[in-house]
Amino acid sequence: MNISGKAATRCFRQAEIKWQESHWKELLQYAGQWVALEGETVVAHGEDLSKVVETARGKSIIIPYVFFVEDTETDAIAMGL
């Protein structure tokens, strides 16, 4: 069965997104770091994005799900373009 269009978008990385949303307290230990998830498992983390991706790929994860955990203890505001 071929999944395409909106259905594929909704399904892609659904497990990782759900875990990330429901385990935010656990993720606080990674504040200020990049985190790579595969399913419900943290496979790599650190301050250097390229090293986190490299570590995840070293575990045979071709396209890792990676996100940054904001440090809620600082008074800084992150802005993007």
C-alpha atoms as a PDB file:
ATOM      1  CA  MET A   1       0.000   0.000   0.000  1.00  0.00           C
ATOM      2  CA  ASN A   2       1.371   3.387  -0.973  1.00  0.00           C
ATOM      3  CA  ILE A   3       0.779   6.308   1.408  1.00  0.00           C
ATOM      4  CA  SER A   4       0.982   9.718  -0.184  1.00  0.00           C
ATOM      5  CA  GLY A   5      -0.040  13.345   0.284  1.00  0.00           C
ATOM      6  CA  LYS A   6      -1.575  14.479   3.567  1.00  0.00           C
ATOM      7  CA  ALA A   7      -1.889  10.942   4.950  1.00  0.00           C
ATOM      8  CA  ALA A   8       1.862  10.426   4.645  1.00  0.00           C
ATOM      9  CA  THR A   9       2.536  13.754   6.360  1.00  0.00           C
ATOM     10  CA  ARG A  10       0.300  12.837   9.293  1.00  0.00           C
ATOM     11  CA  CYS A  11       1.910   9.400   9.730  1.00  0.00           C
ATOM     12  CA  PHE A  12       5.574  10.341   9.320  1.00  0.00           C
ATOM     13  CA  ARG A  13       7.312  10.415  12.701  1.00  0.00           C
ATOM     14  CA  GLN A  14       3.992  10.260  14.540  1.00  0.00           C
ATOM     15  CA  ALA A  15       5.521   8.083  17.293  1.00  0.00           C
ATOM     16  CA  GLU A  16       8.364  10.540  17.876  1.00  0.00           C
ATOM     17  CA  ILE A  17       6.090  13.582  17.921  1.00  0.00           C
ATOM     18  CA  LYS A  18       3.687  11.921  20.356  1.00  0.00           C
ATOM     19  CA  TRP A  19       6.554  10.856  22.652  1.00  0.00           C
ATOM     20  CA  GLN A  20       8.110  14.328  22.543  1.00  0.00           C
ATOM     21  CA  GLU A  21       4.819  15.974  23.495  1.00  0.00           C
ATOM     22  CA  SER A  22       4.000  13.553  26.315  1.00  0.00           C
ATOM     23  CA  HIS A  23       7.495  13.323  27.860  1.00  0.00           C
ATOM     24  CA  TRP A  24       8.376  17.010  28.117  1.00  0.00           C
ATOM     25  CA  LYS A  25       9.354  16.654  31.802  1.00  0.00           C
ATOM     26  CA  GLU A  26      11.845  13.921  30.906  1.00  0.00           C
ATOM     27  CA  LEU A  27      13.274  16.121  28.165  1.00  0.00           C
ATOM     28  CA  LEU A  28      14.163  18.880  30.647  1.00  0.00           C
ATOM     29  CA  GLN A  29      17.357  16.953  31.464  1.00  0.00           C
ATOM     30  CA  TYR A  30      18.475  17.749  27.887  1.00  0.00           C
ATOM     31  CA  ALA A  31      17.874  21.527  28.172  1.00  0.00           C
ATOM     32  CA  GLY A  32      20.140  23.419  25.793  1.00  0.00           C
ATOM     33  CA  GLN A  33      20.835  20.291  23.742  1.00  0.00           C
ATOM     34  CA  TRP A  34      19.803  18.654  20.492  1.00  0.00           C
ATOM     35  CA  VAL A  35      18.002  15.330  20.884  1.00  0.00           C
ATOM     36  CA  ALA A  36      17.587  12.554  18.308  1.00  0.00           C
ATOM     37  CA  LEU A  37      14.668  10.161  18.727  1.00  0.00           C
ATOM     38  CA  GLU A  38      13.925   6.891  17.001  1.00  0.00           C
ATOM     39  CA  GLY A  39      10.451   5.773  17.960  1.00  0.00           C
ATOM     40  CA  GLU A  40      10.291   6.245  21.723  1.00  0.00           C
ATOM     41  CA  THR A  41      14.045   6.004  22.299  1.00  0.00           C
ATOM     42  CA  VAL A  42      16.546   8.834  22.693  1.00  0.00           C
ATOM     43  CA  VAL A  43      19.400   7.649  20.475  1.00  0.00           C
ATOM     44  CA  ALA A  44      21.673  10.703  20.776  1.00  0.00           C
ATOM     45  CA  HIS A  45      21.872  14.100  22.466  1.00  0.00           C
ATOM     46  CA  GLY A  46      24.328  16.939  22.839  1.00  0.00           C
ATOM     47  CA  GLU A  47      25.087  20.582  22.167  1.00  0.00           C
ATOM     48  CA  ASP A  48      26.601  19.977  18.714  1.00  0.00           C
ATOM     49  CA  LEU A  49      23.893  19.244  16.132  1.00  0.00           C
ATOM     50  CA  SER A  50      26.249  17.641  13.636  1.00  0.00           C
ATOM     51  CA  LYS A  51      27.594  15.220  16.254  1.00  0.00           C
ATOM     52  CA  VAL A  52      24.063  14.263  17.338  1.00  0.00           C
ATOM     53  CA  VAL A  53      23.112  13.520  13.725  1.00  0.00           C
ATOM     54  CA  GLU A  54      26.378  11.630  13.169  1.00  0.00           C
ATOM     55  CA  THR A  55      25.779   9.497  16.282  1.00  0.00           C
ATOM     56  CA  ALA A  56      22.210   8.702  15.218  1.00  0.00           C
ATOM     57  CA  ARG A  57      23.360   7.772  11.708  1.00  0.00           C
ATOM     58  CA  GLY A  58      26.024   5.573  13.274  1.00  0.00           C
ATOM     59  CA  LYS A  59      23.133   3.612  14.752  1.00  0.00           C
ATOM     60  CA  SER A  60      21.751   2.962  11.240  1.00  0.00           C
ATOM     61  CA  ILE A  61      19.155   5.746  11.409  1.00  0.00           C
ATOM     62  CA  ILE A  62      19.238   7.285   7.943  1.00  0.00           C
ATOM     63  CA  ILE A  63      17.021  10.308   8.645  1.00  0.00           C
ATOM     64  CA  PRO A  64      17.001  10.985  12.389  1.00  0.00           C
ATOM     65  CA  TYR A  65      14.195  12.928  14.067  1.00  0.00           C
ATOM     66  CA  VAL A  66      16.139  15.745  15.761  1.00  0.00           C
ATOM     67  CA  PHE A  67      14.903  18.698  17.801  1.00  0.00           C
ATOM     68  CA  PHE A  68      16.298  21.285  20.212  1.00  0.00           C
ATOM     69  CA  VAL A  69      15.238  21.362  23.863  1.00  0.00           C
ATOM     70  CA  GLU A  70      14.974  24.963  25.012  1.00  0.00           C
ATOM     71  CA  ASP A  71      16.585  25.905  28.317  1.00  0.00           C
ATOM     72  CA  THR A  72      13.677  27.280  30.345  1.00  0.00           C
ATOM     73  CA  GLU A  73      16.011  28.465  33.121  1.00  0.00           C
ATOM     74  CA  THR A  74      17.461  31.341  31.118  1.00  0.00           C
ATOM     75  CA  ASP A  75      15.864  34.709  30.488  1.00  0.00           C
ATOM     76  CA  ALA A  76      16.773  34.582  26.798  1.00  0.00           C
ATOM     77  CA  ILE A  77      14.215  34.621  24.026  1.00  0.00           C
ATOM     78  CA  ALA A  78      14.907  32.584  20.883  1.00  0.00           C
ATOM     79  CA  MET A  79      13.773  34.109  17.610  1.00  0.00           C
ATOM     80  CA  GLY A  80      14.017  32.663  14.140  1.00  0.00           C
ATOM     81  CA  LEU A  81      13.556  33.967  10.640  1.00  0.00           C
END
